[in-house]
N, C-alpha and C. Protein backbone atom coordinates (compact mmCIF):
# COMPACT_ATOMS: atom_id res chain seq x y z
N UNK A 1 -31.81 14.43 -60.53
CA UNK A 1 -31.70 13.41 -59.49
C UNK A 1 -31.41 14.07 -58.15
N UNK A 2 -32.16 13.73 -57.12
CA UNK A 2 -31.98 14.31 -55.81
C UNK A 2 -30.81 13.63 -55.11
N UNK A 3 -29.86 14.45 -54.65
CA UNK A 3 -28.68 13.91 -53.99
C UNK A 3 -29.00 13.61 -52.53
N UNK A 4 -28.61 12.44 -52.08
CA UNK A 4 -28.85 12.06 -50.68
C UNK A 4 -27.96 12.89 -49.77
N UNK A 5 -28.45 13.20 -48.59
CA UNK A 5 -27.69 13.98 -47.61
C UNK A 5 -26.97 13.03 -46.68
N UNK A 6 -25.66 13.19 -46.57
CA UNK A 6 -24.84 12.31 -45.76
C UNK A 6 -24.68 12.91 -44.37
N UNK A 7 -25.34 12.32 -43.36
CA UNK A 7 -25.30 12.88 -42.02
C UNK A 7 -23.96 12.66 -41.33
N UNK A 8 -23.10 11.85 -41.92
CA UNK A 8 -21.77 11.63 -41.34
C UNK A 8 -20.77 12.67 -41.82
N UNK A 9 -21.17 13.55 -42.72
CA UNK A 9 -20.28 14.59 -43.22
C UNK A 9 -19.85 15.47 -42.06
N UNK A 10 -18.56 15.61 -41.84
CA UNK A 10 -18.04 16.37 -40.70
C UNK A 10 -18.38 17.85 -40.79
N UNK A 11 -18.77 18.32 -41.97
CA UNK A 11 -19.15 19.72 -42.09
C UNK A 11 -20.50 20.01 -41.45
N UNK A 12 -21.29 18.97 -41.22
CA UNK A 12 -22.63 19.12 -40.67
C UNK A 12 -22.75 18.28 -39.40
N UNK A 13 -22.25 18.77 -38.25
CA UNK A 13 -22.27 17.98 -37.01
C UNK A 13 -23.68 17.92 -36.41
N UNK A 14 -24.48 16.96 -36.86
CA UNK A 14 -25.87 16.86 -36.42
C UNK A 14 -26.03 16.09 -35.12
N UNK A 15 -25.07 15.24 -34.78
CA UNK A 15 -25.19 14.41 -33.58
C UNK A 15 -24.64 15.13 -32.36
N UNK A 16 -25.27 14.90 -31.20
CA UNK A 16 -24.75 15.45 -29.96
C UNK A 16 -23.45 14.76 -29.58
N UNK A 17 -22.53 15.48 -28.98
CA UNK A 17 -21.32 14.82 -28.48
C UNK A 17 -21.68 13.96 -27.28
N UNK A 18 -20.85 12.97 -26.93
CA UNK A 18 -21.14 12.14 -25.75
C UNK A 18 -21.24 13.02 -24.50
N UNK A 19 -22.23 12.75 -23.61
CA UNK A 19 -22.40 13.59 -22.42
C UNK A 19 -21.40 13.24 -21.32
N UNK A 20 -21.24 14.15 -20.39
CA UNK A 20 -20.49 13.86 -19.17
C UNK A 20 -21.31 12.90 -18.32
N UNK A 21 -20.69 12.21 -17.37
CA UNK A 21 -21.46 11.32 -16.48
C UNK A 21 -22.60 12.09 -15.81
N UNK A 22 -23.79 11.49 -15.78
CA UNK A 22 -24.96 12.21 -15.30
C UNK A 22 -26.08 11.24 -14.95
N UNK A 23 -27.15 11.77 -14.34
CA UNK A 23 -28.34 10.98 -14.08
C UNK A 23 -29.57 11.82 -14.42
N UNK A 24 -30.61 11.15 -14.86
CA UNK A 24 -31.83 11.85 -15.26
C UNK A 24 -32.50 12.47 -14.05
N UNK A 25 -32.93 13.71 -14.19
CA UNK A 25 -33.60 14.43 -13.11
C UNK A 25 -35.04 14.79 -13.46
N UNK A 26 -35.26 15.24 -14.69
CA UNK A 26 -36.58 15.76 -15.06
C UNK A 26 -36.84 15.47 -16.54
N UNK A 27 -38.08 15.13 -16.85
CA UNK A 27 -38.48 14.91 -18.25
C UNK A 27 -39.74 15.70 -18.55
N UNK A 28 -39.64 16.57 -19.52
CA UNK A 28 -40.82 17.26 -20.05
C UNK A 28 -41.11 16.67 -21.42
N UNK A 29 -42.33 16.23 -21.62
CA UNK A 29 -42.76 15.67 -22.90
C UNK A 29 -43.89 16.52 -23.46
N UNK A 30 -43.73 16.95 -24.70
CA UNK A 30 -44.78 17.72 -25.36
C UNK A 30 -45.08 17.04 -26.70
N UNK A 31 -46.33 16.70 -26.92
CA UNK A 31 -46.74 16.00 -28.14
C UNK A 31 -47.81 16.84 -28.84
N UNK A 32 -47.62 17.04 -30.15
CA UNK A 32 -48.60 17.76 -30.96
C UNK A 32 -49.16 16.81 -32.02
N UNK A 33 -50.47 16.87 -32.23
CA UNK A 33 -51.11 16.05 -33.26
C UNK A 33 -52.12 16.90 -34.03
N UNK A 34 -52.21 16.63 -35.33
CA UNK A 34 -53.18 17.32 -36.18
C UNK A 34 -54.18 16.32 -36.74
N UNK A 35 -55.47 16.68 -36.72
CA UNK A 35 -56.53 15.78 -37.15
C UNK A 35 -57.40 16.44 -38.21
N UNK A 36 -57.70 15.66 -39.25
CA UNK A 36 -58.61 16.06 -40.32
C UNK A 36 -60.01 15.60 -39.94
N UNK A 37 -60.89 16.54 -39.64
CA UNK A 37 -62.23 16.19 -39.16
C UNK A 37 -63.18 15.92 -40.32
N UNK A 38 -64.18 15.09 -40.07
CA UNK A 38 -65.15 14.75 -41.10
C UNK A 38 -66.03 15.93 -41.48
N UNK A 39 -66.14 16.92 -40.59
CA UNK A 39 -66.99 18.08 -40.90
C UNK A 39 -66.24 19.17 -41.66
N UNK A 40 -64.99 18.89 -42.07
CA UNK A 40 -64.22 19.85 -42.84
C UNK A 40 -63.33 20.75 -42.02
N UNK A 41 -63.44 20.69 -40.70
CA UNK A 41 -62.57 21.47 -39.83
C UNK A 41 -61.34 20.66 -39.46
N UNK A 42 -60.48 21.26 -38.66
CA UNK A 42 -59.22 20.63 -38.26
C UNK A 42 -59.04 20.76 -36.75
N UNK A 43 -58.59 19.70 -36.11
CA UNK A 43 -58.25 19.75 -34.70
C UNK A 43 -56.74 19.67 -34.55
N UNK A 44 -56.18 20.58 -33.77
CA UNK A 44 -54.78 20.53 -33.38
C UNK A 44 -54.76 20.29 -31.88
N UNK A 45 -54.11 19.21 -31.45
CA UNK A 45 -54.07 18.88 -30.03
C UNK A 45 -52.63 18.88 -29.52
N UNK A 46 -52.49 19.32 -28.27
CA UNK A 46 -51.19 19.33 -27.62
C UNK A 46 -51.32 18.74 -26.23
N UNK A 47 -50.30 18.01 -25.80
CA UNK A 47 -50.25 17.46 -24.45
C UNK A 47 -48.86 17.68 -23.88
N UNK A 48 -48.81 18.21 -22.66
CA UNK A 48 -47.56 18.47 -21.97
C UNK A 48 -47.54 17.74 -20.65
N UNK A 49 -46.46 17.02 -20.38
CA UNK A 49 -46.29 16.36 -19.08
C UNK A 49 -44.91 16.70 -18.52
N UNK A 50 -44.85 16.84 -17.21
CA UNK A 50 -43.60 17.04 -16.48
C UNK A 50 -43.48 15.94 -15.43
N UNK A 51 -42.36 15.23 -15.44
CA UNK A 51 -42.13 14.14 -14.48
C UNK A 51 -40.70 14.25 -13.95
N UNK A 52 -40.55 14.14 -12.62
CA UNK A 52 -39.23 14.10 -12.01
C UNK A 52 -38.92 12.67 -11.57
N UNK A 53 -37.64 12.39 -11.42
CA UNK A 53 -37.23 11.04 -11.01
C UNK A 53 -37.19 10.90 -9.49
N UNK A 54 -37.47 11.97 -8.77
CA UNK A 54 -37.39 11.95 -7.31
C UNK A 54 -38.58 12.73 -6.74
N UNK A 55 -38.93 12.45 -5.50
CA UNK A 55 -39.98 13.21 -4.85
C UNK A 55 -39.44 14.55 -4.38
N UNK A 56 -40.28 15.58 -4.47
CA UNK A 56 -39.86 16.89 -3.98
C UNK A 56 -41.08 17.64 -3.46
N UNK A 57 -40.84 18.71 -2.75
CA UNK A 57 -41.94 19.43 -2.11
C UNK A 57 -41.74 20.93 -2.21
N UNK A 58 -42.75 21.61 -2.73
CA UNK A 58 -42.79 23.07 -2.68
C UNK A 58 -43.18 23.46 -1.26
N UNK A 59 -42.58 24.53 -0.69
CA UNK A 59 -42.92 24.90 0.69
C UNK A 59 -44.43 25.01 0.93
N UNK A 60 -44.88 24.37 1.99
CA UNK A 60 -46.29 24.39 2.41
C UNK A 60 -47.23 23.75 1.40
N UNK A 61 -46.69 22.89 0.53
CA UNK A 61 -47.52 22.15 -0.41
C UNK A 61 -47.33 20.66 -0.15
N UNK A 62 -48.13 19.84 -0.85
CA UNK A 62 -48.02 18.40 -0.70
C UNK A 62 -46.72 17.90 -1.34
N UNK A 63 -46.32 16.70 -0.98
CA UNK A 63 -45.16 16.06 -1.58
C UNK A 63 -45.52 15.55 -2.96
N UNK A 64 -44.68 15.85 -3.93
CA UNK A 64 -44.88 15.34 -5.28
C UNK A 64 -44.01 14.10 -5.45
N UNK A 65 -44.61 12.92 -5.58
CA UNK A 65 -43.81 11.69 -5.71
C UNK A 65 -43.03 11.67 -7.03
N UNK A 66 -41.88 11.03 -7.01
CA UNK A 66 -41.11 10.86 -8.22
C UNK A 66 -41.81 9.92 -9.20
N UNK A 67 -41.52 10.11 -10.50
CA UNK A 67 -42.05 9.26 -11.57
C UNK A 67 -43.56 9.39 -11.74
N UNK A 68 -44.17 10.43 -11.18
CA UNK A 68 -45.57 10.72 -11.41
C UNK A 68 -45.70 12.14 -11.96
N UNK A 69 -46.64 12.37 -12.88
CA UNK A 69 -46.70 13.69 -13.52
C UNK A 69 -47.07 14.81 -12.55
N UNK A 70 -46.28 15.86 -12.60
CA UNK A 70 -46.62 17.10 -11.90
C UNK A 70 -47.60 17.90 -12.75
N UNK A 71 -47.30 17.95 -14.03
CA UNK A 71 -48.21 18.56 -15.01
C UNK A 71 -48.64 17.49 -16.00
N UNK A 72 -49.91 17.48 -16.31
CA UNK A 72 -50.45 16.70 -17.43
C UNK A 72 -51.56 17.56 -18.02
N UNK A 73 -51.21 18.34 -19.02
CA UNK A 73 -52.10 19.36 -19.57
C UNK A 73 -52.37 19.08 -21.04
N UNK A 74 -53.60 19.37 -21.48
CA UNK A 74 -53.98 19.14 -22.86
C UNK A 74 -54.77 20.33 -23.39
N UNK A 75 -54.56 20.63 -24.66
CA UNK A 75 -55.32 21.67 -25.36
C UNK A 75 -55.77 21.11 -26.70
N UNK A 76 -57.02 21.38 -27.05
CA UNK A 76 -57.51 21.08 -28.40
C UNK A 76 -58.03 22.36 -29.02
N UNK A 77 -57.45 22.72 -30.16
CA UNK A 77 -57.87 23.90 -30.91
C UNK A 77 -58.50 23.44 -32.22
N UNK A 78 -59.70 23.93 -32.52
CA UNK A 78 -60.39 23.59 -33.76
C UNK A 78 -60.29 24.77 -34.71
N UNK A 79 -59.79 24.49 -35.93
CA UNK A 79 -59.54 25.53 -36.94
C UNK A 79 -60.36 25.29 -38.20
N UNK A 80 -60.64 26.39 -38.92
CA UNK A 80 -61.19 26.22 -40.27
C UNK A 80 -60.03 26.29 -41.27
N UNK A 81 -60.34 26.27 -42.55
CA UNK A 81 -59.28 26.24 -43.57
C UNK A 81 -58.43 27.51 -43.59
N UNK A 82 -58.94 28.58 -43.01
CA UNK A 82 -58.21 29.84 -42.98
C UNK A 82 -57.43 30.01 -41.67
N UNK A 83 -57.33 28.94 -40.88
CA UNK A 83 -56.59 28.94 -39.62
C UNK A 83 -57.25 29.82 -38.55
N UNK A 84 -58.55 30.05 -38.68
CA UNK A 84 -59.28 30.82 -37.68
C UNK A 84 -59.83 29.85 -36.63
N UNK A 85 -59.62 30.17 -35.37
CA UNK A 85 -60.04 29.29 -34.28
C UNK A 85 -61.55 29.28 -34.14
N UNK A 86 -62.13 28.10 -34.25
CA UNK A 86 -63.57 27.91 -34.11
C UNK A 86 -63.96 27.50 -32.69
N UNK A 87 -63.07 26.80 -32.01
CA UNK A 87 -63.35 26.33 -30.65
C UNK A 87 -62.01 26.00 -29.99
N UNK A 88 -62.02 25.97 -28.66
CA UNK A 88 -60.82 25.61 -27.91
C UNK A 88 -61.24 24.95 -26.61
N UNK A 89 -60.57 23.87 -26.25
CA UNK A 89 -60.87 23.14 -25.02
C UNK A 89 -59.57 22.82 -24.31
N UNK A 90 -59.62 22.82 -22.98
CA UNK A 90 -58.43 22.58 -22.16
C UNK A 90 -58.72 21.53 -21.11
N UNK A 91 -57.75 20.65 -20.90
CA UNK A 91 -57.84 19.64 -19.84
C UNK A 91 -56.60 19.76 -18.96
N UNK A 92 -56.80 19.76 -17.65
CA UNK A 92 -55.68 19.83 -16.70
C UNK A 92 -55.81 18.64 -15.76
N UNK A 93 -55.35 17.48 -16.23
CA UNK A 93 -55.53 16.23 -15.49
C UNK A 93 -54.63 16.15 -14.27
N UNK A 94 -53.43 16.70 -14.35
CA UNK A 94 -52.51 16.74 -13.21
C UNK A 94 -51.95 18.15 -13.11
N UNK A 95 -52.09 18.76 -11.94
CA UNK A 95 -51.62 20.12 -11.70
C UNK A 95 -50.95 20.19 -10.33
N UNK A 96 -49.96 21.07 -10.16
CA UNK A 96 -49.24 21.11 -8.89
C UNK A 96 -49.97 21.85 -7.78
N UNK A 97 -50.88 22.77 -8.13
CA UNK A 97 -51.57 23.57 -7.13
C UNK A 97 -53.06 23.61 -7.46
N UNK A 98 -53.90 23.64 -6.45
CA UNK A 98 -55.35 23.68 -6.68
C UNK A 98 -55.74 24.91 -7.49
N UNK A 99 -55.02 26.02 -7.29
CA UNK A 99 -55.34 27.26 -7.99
C UNK A 99 -55.12 27.17 -9.49
N UNK A 100 -54.31 26.20 -9.92
CA UNK A 100 -54.05 26.04 -11.35
C UNK A 100 -55.33 25.76 -12.14
N UNK A 101 -56.33 25.21 -11.48
CA UNK A 101 -57.56 24.85 -12.19
C UNK A 101 -58.27 26.06 -12.79
N UNK A 102 -57.98 27.26 -12.27
CA UNK A 102 -58.60 28.46 -12.82
C UNK A 102 -57.83 29.09 -13.96
N UNK A 103 -56.65 28.53 -14.29
CA UNK A 103 -55.79 29.15 -15.30
C UNK A 103 -56.42 29.21 -16.71
N UNK A 104 -57.25 28.22 -17.11
CA UNK A 104 -57.78 28.27 -18.48
C UNK A 104 -59.00 29.17 -18.67
N UNK A 105 -59.38 29.96 -17.64
CA UNK A 105 -60.68 30.64 -17.72
C UNK A 105 -60.77 31.68 -18.84
N UNK A 106 -59.63 32.13 -19.39
CA UNK A 106 -59.66 33.11 -20.49
C UNK A 106 -59.39 32.49 -21.85
N UNK A 107 -59.21 31.18 -21.90
CA UNK A 107 -58.84 30.55 -23.18
C UNK A 107 -59.88 30.78 -24.27
N UNK A 108 -61.15 30.90 -23.88
CA UNK A 108 -62.21 31.09 -24.87
C UNK A 108 -62.04 32.40 -25.65
N UNK A 109 -61.26 33.34 -25.11
CA UNK A 109 -61.05 34.62 -25.79
C UNK A 109 -60.26 34.46 -27.09
N UNK A 110 -59.63 33.30 -27.27
CA UNK A 110 -58.87 33.04 -28.50
C UNK A 110 -59.77 32.62 -29.65
N UNK A 111 -61.03 32.27 -29.36
CA UNK A 111 -61.96 31.90 -30.43
C UNK A 111 -62.16 33.10 -31.35
N UNK A 112 -62.03 32.87 -32.65
CA UNK A 112 -62.13 33.95 -33.63
C UNK A 112 -60.78 34.52 -34.03
N UNK A 113 -59.73 34.19 -33.29
CA UNK A 113 -58.38 34.64 -33.64
C UNK A 113 -57.78 33.72 -34.70
N UNK A 114 -56.78 34.22 -35.41
CA UNK A 114 -56.14 33.46 -36.48
C UNK A 114 -54.75 33.02 -36.05
N UNK A 115 -54.45 31.75 -36.29
CA UNK A 115 -53.09 31.26 -36.10
C UNK A 115 -52.28 31.66 -37.32
N UNK A 116 -51.49 32.69 -37.17
CA UNK A 116 -50.71 33.19 -38.30
C UNK A 116 -49.69 34.17 -37.78
N UNK A 117 -49.22 35.08 -38.64
CA UNK A 117 -48.26 36.09 -38.19
C UNK A 117 -48.79 36.85 -36.98
N UNK A 118 -47.93 37.03 -35.98
CA UNK A 118 -48.35 37.72 -34.77
C UNK A 118 -49.06 36.83 -33.77
N UNK A 119 -49.00 35.51 -33.96
CA UNK A 119 -49.72 34.57 -33.09
C UNK A 119 -49.30 34.71 -31.63
N UNK A 120 -48.02 34.85 -31.36
CA UNK A 120 -47.56 34.99 -29.97
C UNK A 120 -48.12 36.25 -29.33
N UNK A 121 -48.19 37.32 -30.10
CA UNK A 121 -48.75 38.57 -29.58
C UNK A 121 -50.22 38.38 -29.24
N UNK A 122 -50.94 37.65 -30.09
CA UNK A 122 -52.36 37.38 -29.84
C UNK A 122 -52.53 36.60 -28.54
N UNK A 123 -51.69 35.58 -28.35
CA UNK A 123 -51.77 34.77 -27.14
C UNK A 123 -51.54 35.64 -25.90
N UNK A 124 -50.50 36.46 -25.94
CA UNK A 124 -50.19 37.29 -24.78
C UNK A 124 -51.25 38.35 -24.51
N UNK A 125 -51.92 38.80 -25.56
CA UNK A 125 -52.99 39.78 -25.37
C UNK A 125 -54.17 39.18 -24.61
N UNK A 126 -54.46 37.90 -24.86
CA UNK A 126 -55.68 37.30 -24.31
C UNK A 126 -55.43 36.45 -23.07
N UNK A 127 -54.28 35.77 -23.02
CA UNK A 127 -54.01 34.89 -21.87
C UNK A 127 -52.61 35.09 -21.33
N UNK A 128 -52.09 36.31 -21.45
CA UNK A 128 -50.75 36.59 -20.98
C UNK A 128 -50.69 36.81 -19.48
N UNK A 129 -49.50 36.68 -18.93
CA UNK A 129 -49.30 36.93 -17.51
C UNK A 129 -50.23 36.12 -16.62
N UNK A 130 -50.80 36.78 -15.61
CA UNK A 130 -51.68 36.10 -14.66
C UNK A 130 -53.07 35.84 -15.22
N UNK A 131 -53.33 36.26 -16.46
CA UNK A 131 -54.60 35.93 -17.11
C UNK A 131 -54.59 34.53 -17.68
N UNK A 132 -53.46 33.84 -17.57
CA UNK A 132 -53.37 32.49 -18.13
C UNK A 132 -52.34 31.67 -17.38
N UNK A 133 -51.79 30.68 -18.08
CA UNK A 133 -50.84 29.74 -17.50
C UNK A 133 -49.60 29.68 -18.39
N UNK A 134 -48.43 29.75 -17.76
CA UNK A 134 -47.17 29.71 -18.51
C UNK A 134 -47.10 28.49 -19.43
N UNK A 135 -47.49 27.33 -18.92
CA UNK A 135 -47.36 26.09 -19.68
C UNK A 135 -48.39 26.01 -20.80
N UNK A 136 -49.60 26.49 -20.55
CA UNK A 136 -50.59 26.52 -21.63
C UNK A 136 -50.14 27.46 -22.74
N UNK A 137 -49.54 28.59 -22.37
CA UNK A 137 -49.04 29.50 -23.40
C UNK A 137 -47.93 28.86 -24.22
N UNK A 138 -47.03 28.16 -23.54
CA UNK A 138 -45.95 27.47 -24.27
C UNK A 138 -46.52 26.48 -25.27
N UNK A 139 -47.57 25.78 -24.87
CA UNK A 139 -48.18 24.82 -25.79
C UNK A 139 -48.84 25.54 -26.96
N UNK A 140 -49.53 26.64 -26.67
CA UNK A 140 -50.21 27.40 -27.72
C UNK A 140 -49.22 27.97 -28.73
N UNK A 141 -48.07 28.47 -28.24
CA UNK A 141 -47.09 29.06 -29.15
C UNK A 141 -46.78 28.11 -30.31
N UNK A 142 -46.50 26.86 -29.97
CA UNK A 142 -46.06 25.91 -30.99
C UNK A 142 -47.20 25.15 -31.66
N UNK A 143 -48.42 25.36 -31.21
CA UNK A 143 -49.55 24.74 -31.91
C UNK A 143 -49.70 25.30 -33.32
N UNK A 144 -49.27 26.54 -33.51
CA UNK A 144 -49.33 27.12 -34.86
C UNK A 144 -48.43 26.34 -35.82
N UNK A 145 -47.25 25.96 -35.36
CA UNK A 145 -46.35 25.17 -36.20
C UNK A 145 -46.98 23.83 -36.55
N UNK A 146 -47.61 23.19 -35.55
CA UNK A 146 -48.29 21.92 -35.82
C UNK A 146 -49.44 22.11 -36.80
N UNK A 147 -50.13 23.24 -36.69
CA UNK A 147 -51.23 23.52 -37.62
C UNK A 147 -50.70 23.69 -39.04
N UNK A 148 -49.58 24.39 -39.19
CA UNK A 148 -48.99 24.57 -40.52
C UNK A 148 -48.50 23.25 -41.10
N UNK A 149 -48.09 22.33 -40.22
CA UNK A 149 -47.70 21.00 -40.69
C UNK A 149 -48.92 20.19 -41.10
N UNK A 150 -50.08 20.52 -40.54
CA UNK A 150 -51.29 19.71 -40.75
C UNK A 150 -52.14 20.21 -41.92
N UNK A 151 -52.45 21.50 -41.94
CA UNK A 151 -53.45 22.00 -42.89
C UNK A 151 -53.02 21.98 -44.36
N UNK A 152 -51.88 22.58 -44.74
CA UNK A 152 -51.57 22.59 -46.17
C UNK A 152 -51.46 21.19 -46.78
N UNK A 153 -50.77 20.28 -46.09
CA UNK A 153 -50.66 18.92 -46.62
C UNK A 153 -51.99 18.20 -46.56
N UNK A 154 -52.76 18.47 -45.51
CA UNK A 154 -54.08 17.85 -45.40
C UNK A 154 -55.03 18.33 -46.47
N UNK A 155 -54.97 19.61 -46.78
CA UNK A 155 -55.81 20.16 -47.85
C UNK A 155 -55.41 19.58 -49.20
N UNK A 156 -54.09 19.41 -49.39
CA UNK A 156 -53.60 18.78 -50.62
C UNK A 156 -54.16 17.36 -50.74
N UNK A 157 -54.13 16.60 -49.63
CA UNK A 157 -54.63 15.24 -49.65
C UNK A 157 -56.13 15.20 -49.92
N UNK A 158 -56.88 16.14 -49.34
CA UNK A 158 -58.32 16.20 -49.58
C UNK A 158 -58.60 16.36 -51.07
N UNK A 159 -57.86 17.26 -51.73
CA UNK A 159 -58.07 17.47 -53.17
C UNK A 159 -57.68 16.24 -53.96
N UNK A 160 -56.59 15.59 -53.56
CA UNK A 160 -56.17 14.38 -54.26
C UNK A 160 -57.24 13.30 -54.17
N UNK A 161 -57.77 13.06 -52.97
CA UNK A 161 -58.77 12.02 -52.78
C UNK A 161 -60.07 12.34 -53.52
N UNK A 162 -60.36 13.64 -53.66
CA UNK A 162 -61.59 14.04 -54.35
C UNK A 162 -61.39 14.19 -55.85
N UNK A 163 -60.15 14.00 -56.34
CA UNK A 163 -59.87 14.16 -57.76
C UNK A 163 -59.97 15.59 -58.22
N UNK A 164 -59.75 16.54 -57.32
CA UNK A 164 -59.84 17.95 -57.65
C UNK A 164 -58.47 18.50 -58.03
N UNK A 165 -58.44 19.49 -58.93
CA UNK A 165 -57.14 20.08 -59.31
C UNK A 165 -56.60 20.93 -58.16
N UNK A 166 -55.29 21.04 -58.11
CA UNK A 166 -54.66 21.89 -57.11
C UNK A 166 -54.59 23.32 -57.63
N UNK A 167 -54.89 24.29 -56.79
CA UNK A 167 -54.87 25.68 -57.25
C UNK A 167 -53.46 26.14 -57.59
N UNK A 168 -53.37 27.06 -58.54
CA UNK A 168 -52.07 27.61 -58.91
C UNK A 168 -51.53 28.44 -57.74
N UNK A 169 -50.25 28.29 -57.46
CA UNK A 169 -49.63 29.04 -56.36
C UNK A 169 -49.26 30.43 -56.86
N UNK A 170 -49.89 31.43 -56.28
CA UNK A 170 -49.61 32.81 -56.64
C UNK A 170 -48.86 33.55 -55.53
N UNK A 171 -48.85 32.96 -54.34
CA UNK A 171 -48.13 33.56 -53.22
C UNK A 171 -47.15 32.54 -52.65
N UNK A 172 -46.02 33.02 -52.22
CA UNK A 172 -45.02 32.13 -51.63
C UNK A 172 -45.53 31.55 -50.33
N UNK A 173 -45.26 30.27 -50.05
CA UNK A 173 -45.63 29.69 -48.76
C UNK A 173 -45.04 30.51 -47.62
N UNK A 174 -45.75 30.54 -46.50
CA UNK A 174 -45.35 31.37 -45.37
C UNK A 174 -43.94 31.08 -44.87
N UNK A 175 -43.48 29.81 -45.04
CA UNK A 175 -42.21 29.40 -44.43
C UNK A 175 -41.00 29.77 -45.27
N UNK A 176 -41.19 30.24 -46.50
CA UNK A 176 -40.04 30.66 -47.30
C UNK A 176 -39.42 31.89 -46.67
N UNK A 177 -38.09 31.87 -46.58
CA UNK A 177 -37.38 32.98 -45.97
C UNK A 177 -37.35 32.95 -44.46
N UNK A 178 -37.83 31.85 -43.85
CA UNK A 178 -37.91 31.77 -42.39
C UNK A 178 -36.89 30.82 -41.78
N UNK A 179 -36.17 30.07 -42.58
CA UNK A 179 -35.13 29.20 -42.04
C UNK A 179 -34.08 28.94 -43.12
N UNK A 180 -32.96 28.33 -42.71
CA UNK A 180 -31.82 28.13 -43.60
C UNK A 180 -32.20 27.38 -44.87
N UNK A 181 -32.89 26.25 -44.71
CA UNK A 181 -33.21 25.41 -45.87
C UNK A 181 -34.21 26.07 -46.81
N UNK A 182 -35.06 26.96 -46.25
CA UNK A 182 -36.11 27.58 -47.06
C UNK A 182 -35.77 29.03 -47.42
N UNK A 183 -34.48 29.38 -47.39
CA UNK A 183 -34.08 30.69 -47.90
C UNK A 183 -34.46 30.78 -49.37
N UNK A 184 -34.82 31.98 -49.82
CA UNK A 184 -35.28 32.13 -51.20
C UNK A 184 -34.21 31.74 -52.22
N UNK A 185 -32.94 31.80 -51.82
CA UNK A 185 -31.87 31.42 -52.75
C UNK A 185 -31.37 30.00 -52.48
N UNK A 186 -32.12 29.23 -51.68
CA UNK A 186 -31.70 27.87 -51.33
C UNK A 186 -32.03 26.89 -52.46
N UNK A 187 -31.17 25.87 -52.65
CA UNK A 187 -31.50 24.81 -53.61
C UNK A 187 -32.82 24.11 -53.27
N UNK A 188 -33.18 24.11 -51.98
CA UNK A 188 -34.46 23.50 -51.59
C UNK A 188 -35.61 24.23 -52.25
N UNK A 189 -35.60 25.55 -52.20
CA UNK A 189 -36.65 26.35 -52.84
C UNK A 189 -36.58 26.20 -54.35
N UNK A 190 -35.37 26.15 -54.89
CA UNK A 190 -35.23 25.99 -56.34
C UNK A 190 -35.87 24.69 -56.82
N UNK A 191 -35.76 23.63 -56.01
CA UNK A 191 -36.36 22.35 -56.39
C UNK A 191 -37.88 22.34 -56.16
N UNK A 192 -38.30 22.80 -54.98
CA UNK A 192 -39.69 22.64 -54.59
C UNK A 192 -40.59 23.75 -55.12
N UNK A 193 -40.09 24.99 -55.11
CA UNK A 193 -40.90 26.14 -55.53
C UNK A 193 -40.07 27.02 -56.46
N UNK A 194 -39.75 26.53 -57.65
CA UNK A 194 -38.87 27.29 -58.55
C UNK A 194 -39.46 28.65 -58.92
N UNK A 195 -40.78 28.80 -58.87
CA UNK A 195 -41.39 30.08 -59.24
C UNK A 195 -41.07 31.19 -58.23
N UNK A 196 -40.63 30.80 -57.03
CA UNK A 196 -40.30 31.79 -56.00
C UNK A 196 -38.80 31.85 -55.71
N UNK A 197 -38.03 31.07 -56.45
CA UNK A 197 -36.58 31.02 -56.23
C UNK A 197 -35.93 32.35 -56.64
N UNK A 198 -35.05 32.87 -55.76
CA UNK A 198 -34.33 34.11 -56.04
C UNK A 198 -32.85 33.86 -55.85
N UNK A 199 -32.09 33.68 -56.94
CA UNK A 199 -30.67 33.40 -56.79
C UNK A 199 -29.94 34.57 -56.15
N UNK A 200 -28.83 34.27 -55.47
CA UNK A 200 -28.04 35.30 -54.83
C UNK A 200 -27.48 36.25 -55.89
N UNK A 201 -27.41 37.53 -55.50
CA UNK A 201 -26.79 38.51 -56.40
C UNK A 201 -25.32 38.19 -56.54
N UNK A 202 -24.76 38.55 -57.70
CA UNK A 202 -23.37 38.22 -58.01
C UNK A 202 -22.41 38.77 -56.95
N UNK A 203 -22.69 39.98 -56.42
CA UNK A 203 -21.78 40.56 -55.42
C UNK A 203 -21.81 39.79 -54.13
N UNK A 204 -22.98 39.16 -53.80
CA UNK A 204 -23.07 38.34 -52.59
C UNK A 204 -22.31 37.04 -52.74
N UNK A 205 -22.36 36.46 -53.94
CA UNK A 205 -21.69 35.18 -54.18
C UNK A 205 -20.19 35.34 -54.01
N UNK A 206 -19.64 36.48 -54.40
CA UNK A 206 -18.21 36.68 -54.33
C UNK A 206 -17.68 36.94 -52.94
N UNK A 207 -18.55 37.28 -52.01
CA UNK A 207 -18.11 37.61 -50.63
C UNK A 207 -17.91 36.37 -49.79
């Protein structure tokens, strides 16, 4: 029987403490979505917006009105089942400077790259520094996480709908050993992936 997790347990302070008196100044919103395409590929989309509550002006630039987006940027990455990029498209609907429109000119260099270990290094190699845009890179960094949330479960669903058997797991999922809940000696791994569970050594338990 799976035990429910009590978020009111004082040992696990998940809620933020009440804030000091304050007023909203800036809101950055980033949304990631994963899509199962009819042609067997996958689309991962990201959108980033920046909005301030007041008007402000960069020296020698136009006034940016409050409550209107300074940035409204979108990226769509198309992947195959092996997480290899098949296509990439960028939209920059709202930008603070006219020169920003040239920032995506190297994005096509990511086609053929794999979203996997070393993904951040790949991004910096192709669109790092002045070869790209800080905000587009930030979006790309976390698109890999959205892809990992989309593809394995989506592939599982595809097999379920097609009545196909699921392949035997011979390798541990990439996320094992990468966070507290998915430590190899965690009860989470023992429940979900018992074949990869590694209990703590006796000397570690005693410490």
